[in-house]
Each structure stands twice: as C-alpha cells, then as structure tokens.
Protein backbone atom coordinates (compact mmCIF):
# COMPACT_ATOMS: atom_id res chain seq x y z
CA UNK A 1 44.56 -69.42 -9.96
CA UNK A 2 47.92 -69.79 -8.19
CA UNK A 3 48.93 -66.21 -8.21
CA UNK A 4 46.77 -64.27 -5.81
CA UNK A 5 47.68 -60.86 -6.82
CA UNK A 6 46.24 -61.79 -10.57
CA UNK A 7 42.90 -63.72 -8.91
CA UNK A 8 42.34 -60.85 -7.09
CA UNK A 9 42.50 -58.46 -9.73
CA UNK A 10 40.46 -60.71 -11.94
CA UNK A 11 37.73 -60.62 -9.33
CA UNK A 12 38.06 -56.68 -8.99
CA UNK A 13 37.59 -56.50 -12.71
CA UNK A 14 34.75 -58.71 -12.32
CA UNK A 15 32.96 -56.55 -9.94
CA UNK A 16 34.16 -53.33 -11.73
CA UNK A 17 32.53 -54.44 -15.02
CA UNK A 18 29.37 -55.91 -13.85
CA UNK A 19 29.11 -53.93 -10.26
CA UNK A 20 28.54 -57.52 -8.00
CA UNK A 21 30.05 -61.14 -7.78
CA UNK A 22 27.04 -63.42 -7.52
CA UNK A 23 29.08 -66.63 -8.78
CA UNK A 24 32.54 -68.37 -8.42
CA UNK A 25 32.93 -71.67 -10.28
CA UNK A 26 36.14 -73.09 -8.88
CA UNK A 27 37.71 -75.94 -11.40
CA UNK A 28 41.06 -78.13 -11.20
CA UNK A 29 43.24 -79.17 -13.61
CA UNK A 30 44.56 -82.98 -14.22
CA UNK A 31 47.67 -84.30 -16.22
CA UNK A 32 46.54 -86.89 -18.69
CA UNK A 33 48.96 -89.53 -19.71
CA UNK A 34 51.05 -92.23 -17.74
CA UNK A 35 52.42 -90.51 -14.63
CA UNK A 36 55.95 -92.02 -15.23
CA UNK A 37 55.73 -89.42 -18.00
CA UNK A 38 54.42 -86.30 -15.99
CA UNK A 39 56.93 -83.91 -15.43
CA UNK A 40 58.08 -82.52 -11.52
CA UNK A 41 56.44 -79.20 -12.79
CA UNK A 42 52.97 -80.57 -13.68
CA UNK A 43 53.04 -82.79 -10.60
CA UNK A 44 53.77 -79.84 -8.47
CA UNK A 45 51.30 -77.39 -10.28
CA UNK A 46 47.85 -79.85 -9.65
CA UNK A 47 47.61 -79.60 -5.93
CA UNK A 48 49.12 -75.66 -6.20
CA UNK A 49 45.60 -75.36 -8.33
CA UNK A 50 43.35 -78.10 -6.91
CA UNK A 51 44.00 -76.92 -3.59
CA UNK A 52 45.79 -73.75 -3.31
CA UNK A 53 43.83 -71.74 -5.97
CA UNK A 54 40.47 -72.98 -4.97
CA UNK A 55 40.90 -71.99 -1.64
CA UNK A 56 42.73 -68.57 -2.54
CA UNK A 57 39.48 -68.00 -5.12
CA UNK A 58 36.91 -68.78 -2.15
CA UNK A 59 38.61 -66.39 0.07
CA UNK A 60 38.63 -63.54 -2.53
CA UNK A 61 34.87 -64.34 -4.02
CA UNK A 62 34.00 -64.53 0.01
CA UNK A 63 34.97 -60.96 0.94
CA UNK A 64 32.55 -59.48 -1.61
CA UNK A 65 29.85 -61.76 -1.00
CA UNK A 66 29.83 -61.35 2.57
CA UNK A 67 29.74 -57.82 2.00
CA UNK A 68 26.41 -58.13 0.44
CA UNK A 69 25.06 -61.39 2.39
CA UNK A 70 24.64 -63.30 -0.80
CA UNK A 71 26.37 -65.32 -3.44
CA UNK A 72 27.10 -68.78 -4.46
CA UNK A 73 30.29 -70.68 -4.92
CA UNK A 74 30.66 -73.75 -6.90
CA UNK A 75 33.65 -76.29 -6.95
CA UNK A 76 34.07 -78.84 -9.40
CA UNK A 77 35.82 -82.05 -8.52
CA UNK A 78 37.24 -84.97 -10.39
CA UNK A 79 39.38 -87.94 -9.14
CA UNK A 80 42.50 -86.23 -9.58
CA UNK A 81 40.90 -83.49 -6.91
C-alpha cells in the first residue's frame, strides 16, 4: 500500500477486469507483541501503511469514482490506527 505505482497498477487492473471501481476498502496493519521487541522497520511501516497507504489509495480510487460520480470508500480502523 505504500508504493504508489504498485497501488495505481492494482486499481487500473481492477478497472480493466471489472470495468469500474465501485468500492475501495482500506485496512491497516499492527505489530502484535511486546513494544520493546518491535523492530524499527515495523515501527516505521505501521504509519506508512495506516496513514500514507490509506491516503494514497483513497486519492487513486477517488480519481475513478469522481469521473463516474459514484463509489464507496470504507476505511477500517483499530486502536493501532
């Protein structure tokens, strides 16, 4: 979700396969375990996905949805989000 080009390619492939993009469901990630054991990579990855990835996906999806004047974006959140 953090690679804009990859996310864009996924959305374009979805539109190509189904003809439209009606729904985008955003989800996040959370490290499970003691905080002291969480790697720096995991610490950095969580906000990158939970905030940055969600925003990127939403922007890309809205570009398709605005053209059609319809669509739904659902963002699931947790305590980690």
